[in-house]
Amino acid sequence: MTRTEIEEKVRTFLIQDLEIDEEKIAPDALLKEGLGIDSLDFVDIVVIVEKQFGFKIKPEELIDVKTLSQFCDYIETKVG
């Protein structure tokens, strides 16, 4: 899976499943402060990512993930 495909899938579920405004979604957007993702949203994200990308997320691996780009980097390392 290419980086572009990963970014598109992430963008799609952020808009459709979490109802985040498309204008807010940018690579440098902060997940919590910029996109307004809270702890309950992260639970939804884990379920979606595990289903769409086929790997289990370990919460401790996301401690340093602050931006959307870093989140896509994390996914890319798992599926690449």
N, C-alpha and C. Protein backbone atom coordinates (compact mmCIF):
# COMPACT_ATOMS: atom_id res chain seq x y z
N MET A 1 0.85 -1.18 0.00
CA MET A 1 0.00 0.00 0.00
C MET A 1 0.90 1.24 0.00
N THR A 2 0.57 2.20 -0.86
CA THR A 2 1.38 3.41 -0.97
C THR A 2 1.00 4.41 0.12
N ARG A 3 1.88 5.37 0.31
CA ARG A 3 1.62 6.44 1.29
C ARG A 3 0.35 7.20 0.90
N THR A 4 0.18 7.46 -0.37
CA THR A 4 -1.01 8.17 -0.85
C THR A 4 -2.29 7.40 -0.51
N GLU A 5 -2.27 6.09 -0.68
CA GLU A 5 -3.44 5.27 -0.35
C GLU A 5 -3.73 5.30 1.15
N ILE A 6 -2.69 5.26 1.96
CA ILE A 6 -2.86 5.34 3.41
C ILE A 6 -3.49 6.67 3.79
N GLU A 7 -2.93 7.76 3.27
CA GLU A 7 -3.45 9.09 3.59
C GLU A 7 -4.90 9.24 3.16
N GLU A 8 -5.25 8.69 2.00
CA GLU A 8 -6.63 8.80 1.51
C GLU A 8 -7.59 8.02 2.40
N LYS A 9 -7.21 6.82 2.83
CA LYS A 9 -8.07 6.03 3.72
C LYS A 9 -8.26 6.74 5.06
N VAL A 10 -7.17 7.28 5.60
CA VAL A 10 -7.25 7.99 6.88
C VAL A 10 -8.14 9.22 6.73
N ARG A 11 -7.93 9.98 5.69
CA ARG A 11 -8.74 11.18 5.42
C ARG A 11 -10.22 10.82 5.32
N THR A 12 -10.52 9.74 4.60
CA THR A 12 -11.90 9.32 4.40
C THR A 12 -12.58 8.96 5.72
N PHE A 13 -11.91 8.16 6.57
CA PHE A 13 -12.58 7.79 7.81
C PHE A 13 -12.65 8.95 8.80
N LEU A 14 -11.70 9.89 8.73
CA LEU A 14 -11.80 11.06 9.61
C LEU A 14 -13.03 11.89 9.25
N ILE A 15 -13.28 12.03 7.96
CA ILE A 15 -14.42 12.82 7.50
C ILE A 15 -15.74 12.07 7.71
N GLN A 16 -15.78 10.81 7.28
CA GLN A 16 -17.04 10.06 7.31
C GLN A 16 -17.40 9.53 8.69
N ASP A 17 -16.45 8.93 9.38
CA ASP A 17 -16.75 8.27 10.65
C ASP A 17 -16.65 9.19 11.86
N LEU A 18 -15.69 10.12 11.83
CA LEU A 18 -15.52 11.01 12.98
C LEU A 18 -16.09 12.41 12.73
N GLU A 19 -16.57 12.64 11.51
CA GLU A 19 -17.21 13.90 11.14
C GLU A 19 -16.33 15.11 11.38
N ILE A 20 -15.06 14.98 11.01
CA ILE A 20 -14.11 16.10 11.11
C ILE A 20 -14.20 16.90 9.82
N ASP A 21 -14.20 18.23 9.97
CA ASP A 21 -14.27 19.11 8.80
C ASP A 21 -13.08 18.88 7.89
N GLU A 22 -13.37 18.70 6.62
CA GLU A 22 -12.33 18.41 5.64
C GLU A 22 -11.25 19.49 5.61
N GLU A 23 -11.63 20.75 5.84
CA GLU A 23 -10.68 21.86 5.79
C GLU A 23 -9.62 21.76 6.90
N LYS A 24 -9.94 21.08 7.98
CA LYS A 24 -9.02 20.96 9.11
C LYS A 24 -7.96 19.88 8.87
N ILE A 25 -8.21 18.99 7.93
CA ILE A 25 -7.33 17.85 7.73
C ILE A 25 -6.13 18.25 6.86
N ALA A 26 -4.96 18.28 7.52
CA ALA A 26 -3.70 18.62 6.86
C ALA A 26 -2.60 17.78 7.51
N PRO A 27 -1.51 17.51 6.80
CA PRO A 27 -0.46 16.66 7.36
C PRO A 27 0.07 17.14 8.71
N ASP A 28 0.17 18.47 8.89
CA ASP A 28 0.71 19.00 10.14
C ASP A 28 -0.35 19.27 11.20
N ALA A 29 -1.59 18.88 10.93
CA ALA A 29 -2.68 19.10 11.90
C ALA A 29 -2.44 18.26 13.15
N LEU A 30 -2.56 18.91 14.30
CA LEU A 30 -2.45 18.20 15.57
C LEU A 30 -3.71 17.39 15.79
N LEU A 31 -3.55 16.13 16.17
CA LEU A 31 -4.70 15.24 16.31
C LEU A 31 -5.67 15.74 17.38
N LYS A 32 -5.16 16.07 18.55
CA LYS A 32 -6.05 16.49 19.65
C LYS A 32 -6.47 17.94 19.50
N GLU A 33 -5.50 18.85 19.43
CA GLU A 33 -5.81 20.27 19.41
C GLU A 33 -6.38 20.74 18.07
N GLY A 34 -5.82 20.25 16.97
CA GLY A 34 -6.23 20.71 15.65
C GLY A 34 -7.49 20.05 15.12
N LEU A 35 -7.58 18.73 15.32
CA LEU A 35 -8.72 17.99 14.78
C LEU A 35 -9.79 17.70 15.83
N GLY A 36 -9.47 17.97 17.10
CA GLY A 36 -10.44 17.77 18.17
C GLY A 36 -10.70 16.31 18.49
N ILE A 37 -9.71 15.46 18.25
CA ILE A 37 -9.88 14.03 18.52
C ILE A 37 -9.66 13.79 20.01
N ASP A 38 -10.66 13.20 20.66
CA ASP A 38 -10.54 12.92 22.10
C ASP A 38 -10.33 11.42 22.31
N SER A 39 -10.29 11.01 23.58
CA SER A 39 -9.97 9.61 23.89
C SER A 39 -11.02 8.64 23.32
N LEU A 40 -12.28 9.04 23.31
CA LEU A 40 -13.31 8.16 22.72
C LEU A 40 -13.13 8.03 21.21
N ASP A 41 -12.73 9.13 20.57
CA ASP A 41 -12.45 9.07 19.14
C ASP A 41 -11.29 8.14 18.84
N PHE A 42 -10.27 8.15 19.73
CA PHE A 42 -9.12 7.28 19.52
C PHE A 42 -9.53 5.81 19.56
N VAL A 43 -10.49 5.47 20.40
CA VAL A 43 -11.00 4.09 20.44
C VAL A 43 -11.60 3.74 19.08
N ASP A 44 -12.40 4.65 18.54
CA ASP A 44 -12.99 4.43 17.21
C ASP A 44 -11.90 4.30 16.14
N ILE A 45 -10.89 5.16 16.22
CA ILE A 45 -9.80 5.13 15.25
C ILE A 45 -9.07 3.79 15.29
N VAL A 46 -8.81 3.29 16.49
CA VAL A 46 -8.12 2.00 16.63
C VAL A 46 -8.92 0.90 15.94
N VAL A 47 -10.22 0.87 16.17
CA VAL A 47 -11.07 -0.15 15.55
C VAL A 47 -11.05 -0.02 14.03
N ILE A 48 -11.18 1.19 13.54
CA ILE A 48 -11.20 1.43 12.09
C ILE A 48 -9.87 1.04 11.45
N VAL A 49 -8.78 1.47 12.06
CA VAL A 49 -7.45 1.18 11.50
C VAL A 49 -7.19 -0.33 11.50
N GLU A 50 -7.54 -0.98 12.60
CA GLU A 50 -7.33 -2.43 12.66
C GLU A 50 -8.12 -3.16 11.58
N LYS A 51 -9.33 -2.68 11.30
CA LYS A 51 -10.16 -3.32 10.28
C LYS A 51 -9.66 -2.98 8.87
N GLN A 52 -9.34 -1.72 8.61
CA GLN A 52 -8.96 -1.31 7.26
C GLN A 52 -7.53 -1.66 6.87
N PHE A 53 -6.63 -1.68 7.86
CA PHE A 53 -5.23 -1.91 7.53
C PHE A 53 -4.71 -3.26 7.99
N GLY A 54 -5.48 -3.98 8.82
CA GLY A 54 -5.14 -5.34 9.18
C GLY A 54 -4.03 -5.55 10.18
N PHE A 55 -3.87 -4.63 11.13
CA PHE A 55 -2.89 -4.85 12.20
C PHE A 55 -3.44 -4.29 13.51
N LYS A 56 -2.93 -4.79 14.61
CA LYS A 56 -3.35 -4.36 15.94
C LYS A 56 -2.50 -3.18 16.38
N ILE A 57 -3.16 -2.16 16.91
CA ILE A 57 -2.47 -0.99 17.44
C ILE A 57 -2.19 -1.21 18.91
N LYS A 58 -0.95 -0.96 19.30
CA LYS A 58 -0.57 -0.98 20.71
C LYS A 58 -0.56 0.47 21.18
N PRO A 59 -1.41 0.81 22.17
CA PRO A 59 -1.51 2.22 22.60
C PRO A 59 -0.17 2.87 22.93
N GLU A 60 0.75 2.10 23.51
CA GLU A 60 2.05 2.68 23.87
C GLU A 60 2.85 3.11 22.64
N GLU A 61 2.53 2.57 21.47
CA GLU A 61 3.23 2.96 20.25
C GLU A 61 2.77 4.33 19.73
N LEU A 62 1.64 4.81 20.23
CA LEU A 62 1.10 6.08 19.75
C LEU A 62 1.40 7.25 20.69
N ILE A 63 2.18 7.02 21.73
CA ILE A 63 2.45 8.07 22.72
C ILE A 63 3.06 9.31 22.08
N ASP A 64 4.00 9.13 21.16
CA ASP A 64 4.69 10.27 20.55
C ASP A 64 4.03 10.75 19.26
N VAL A 65 2.91 10.17 18.88
CA VAL A 65 2.23 10.57 17.65
C VAL A 65 1.32 11.76 17.96
N LYS A 66 1.70 12.91 17.40
CA LYS A 66 0.97 14.14 17.69
C LYS A 66 0.24 14.71 16.47
N THR A 67 0.79 14.48 15.27
CA THR A 67 0.21 15.06 14.06
C THR A 67 -0.37 13.98 13.15
N LEU A 68 -1.16 14.42 12.21
CA LEU A 68 -1.75 13.50 11.24
C LEU A 68 -0.66 12.83 10.41
N SER A 69 0.37 13.57 10.06
CA SER A 69 1.47 13.00 9.29
C SER A 69 2.19 11.90 10.08
N GLN A 70 2.41 12.13 11.37
CA GLN A 70 3.05 11.11 12.21
C GLN A 70 2.17 9.87 12.32
N PHE A 71 0.86 10.07 12.38
CA PHE A 71 -0.07 8.95 12.44
C PHE A 71 0.02 8.13 11.15
N CYS A 72 0.08 8.80 10.01
CA CYS A 72 0.22 8.10 8.73
C CYS A 72 1.57 7.40 8.65
N ASP A 73 2.62 8.03 9.21
CA ASP A 73 3.95 7.40 9.26
C ASP A 73 3.85 6.09 10.04
N TYR A 74 3.17 6.13 11.18
CA TYR A 74 3.01 4.94 12.02
C TYR A 74 2.32 3.81 11.24
N ILE A 75 1.22 4.15 10.56
CA ILE A 75 0.49 3.15 9.77
C ILE A 75 1.40 2.60 8.67
N GLU A 76 2.14 3.49 8.03
CA GLU A 76 3.01 3.06 6.93
C GLU A 76 4.07 2.06 7.41
N THR A 77 4.61 2.25 8.61
CA THR A 77 5.60 1.32 9.13
C THR A 77 4.98 -0.05 9.41
N LYS A 78 3.70 -0.07 9.74
CA LYS A 78 3.03 -1.33 10.05
C LYS A 78 2.61 -2.10 8.81
N VAL A 79 2.21 -1.40 7.77
CA VAL A 79 1.71 -2.08 6.57
C VAL A 79 2.77 -2.20 5.47
N GLY A 80 3.87 -1.49 5.65
CA GLY A 80 4.89 -1.44 4.60
C GLY A 80 5.77 -2.62 4.50
